[in-house]
Amino acid sequence: MTDQIIPIVIALILVVIAWKVLKGIVKTVALVAILALAAVFVFGGFA
């Protein structure tokens, strides 16, 4: 359980940083990439 919480916390921190720093389509792409990587790490791959 703890192994799944750490990447989620890291992803949330990266989302906050991307939200504040980036703008426009770059922000959208960065947010999708961050969340996709977190999902792959937590769930072990694409379903």
C-alpha atoms as a PDB file:
ATOM      1  CA  MET A   1       0.000   0.000   0.000  1.00  0.00           C
ATOM      2  CA  THR A   2       2.781   2.424   0.880  1.00  0.00           C
ATOM      3  CA  ASP A   3       4.473   1.659  -2.433  1.00  0.00           C
ATOM      4  CA  GLN A   4       1.412   3.020  -4.232  1.00  0.00           C
ATOM      5  CA  ILE A   5       1.098   6.192  -2.157  1.00  0.00           C
ATOM      6  CA  ILE A   6       4.610   7.505  -2.877  1.00  0.00           C
ATOM      7  CA  PRO A   7       4.212   7.823  -6.684  1.00  0.00           C
ATOM      8  CA  ILE A   8       0.778   9.392  -6.215  1.00  0.00           C
ATOM      9  CA  VAL A   9       2.240  12.032  -3.887  1.00  0.00           C
ATOM     10  CA  ILE A  10       5.097  12.670  -6.321  1.00  0.00           C
ATOM     11  CA  ALA A  11       2.599  12.961  -9.188  1.00  0.00           C
ATOM     12  CA  LEU A  12       0.514  15.465  -7.220  1.00  0.00           C
ATOM     13  CA  ILE A  13       3.593  17.580  -6.523  1.00  0.00           C
ATOM     14  CA  LEU A  14       4.548  17.491 -10.216  1.00  0.00           C
ATOM     15  CA  VAL A  15       0.988  18.422 -11.217  1.00  0.00           C
ATOM     16  CA  VAL A  16       1.055  21.452  -8.917  1.00  0.00           C
ATOM     17  CA  ILE A  17       4.422  22.554 -10.307  1.00  0.00           C
ATOM     18  CA  ALA A  18       3.267  22.063 -13.920  1.00  0.00           C
ATOM     19  CA  TRP A  19       0.005  23.894 -13.196  1.00  0.00           C
ATOM     20  CA  LYS A  20       1.861  26.950 -11.830  1.00  0.00           C
ATOM     21  CA  VAL A  21       4.760  27.061 -14.309  1.00  0.00           C
ATOM     22  CA  LEU A  22       3.428  25.907 -17.679  1.00  0.00           C
ATOM     23  CA  LYS A  23       0.760  27.416 -19.927  1.00  0.00           C
ATOM     24  CA  GLY A  24      -1.482  26.363 -22.783  1.00  0.00           C
ATOM     25  CA  ILE A  25      -1.129  23.076 -24.612  1.00  0.00           C
ATOM     26  CA  VAL A  26       2.240  22.404 -22.988  1.00  0.00           C
ATOM     27  CA  LYS A  27       0.511  22.392 -19.591  1.00  0.00           C
ATOM     28  CA  THR A  28      -2.134  19.954 -20.829  1.00  0.00           C
ATOM     29  CA  VAL A  29       0.425  17.579 -22.340  1.00  0.00           C
ATOM     30  CA  ALA A  30       2.583  17.690 -19.210  1.00  0.00           C
ATOM     31  CA  LEU A  31      -0.381  16.991 -16.920  1.00  0.00           C
ATOM     32  CA  VAL A  32      -1.546  14.049 -19.034  1.00  0.00           C
ATOM     33  CA  ALA A  33       1.978  12.616 -19.155  1.00  0.00           C
ATOM     34  CA  ILE A  34       2.453  12.946 -15.383  1.00  0.00           C
ATOM     35  CA  LEU A  35      -0.866  11.266 -14.622  1.00  0.00           C
ATOM     36  CA  ALA A  36      -0.289   8.512 -17.201  1.00  0.00           C
ATOM     37  CA  LEU A  37       3.131   7.690 -15.767  1.00  0.00           C
ATOM     38  CA  ALA A  38       1.736   7.613 -12.235  1.00  0.00           C
ATOM     39  CA  ALA A  39      -1.072   5.283 -13.347  1.00  0.00           C
ATOM     40  CA  VAL A  40       1.344   2.953 -15.139  1.00  0.00           C
ATOM     41  CA  PHE A  41       3.602   2.832 -12.078  1.00  0.00           C
ATOM     42  CA  VAL A  42       0.773   2.250  -9.589  1.00  0.00           C
ATOM     43  CA  PHE A  43      -1.314  -0.204 -11.611  1.00  0.00           C
ATOM     44  CA  GLY A  44       1.587  -1.981 -13.307  1.00  0.00           C
ATOM     45  CA  GLY A  45       0.863  -1.197 -16.937  1.00  0.00           C
ATOM     46  CA  PHE A  46      -1.816  -0.212 -19.388  1.00  0.00           C
ATOM     47  CA  ALA A  47      -5.013  -2.208 -18.973  1.00  0.00           C
END
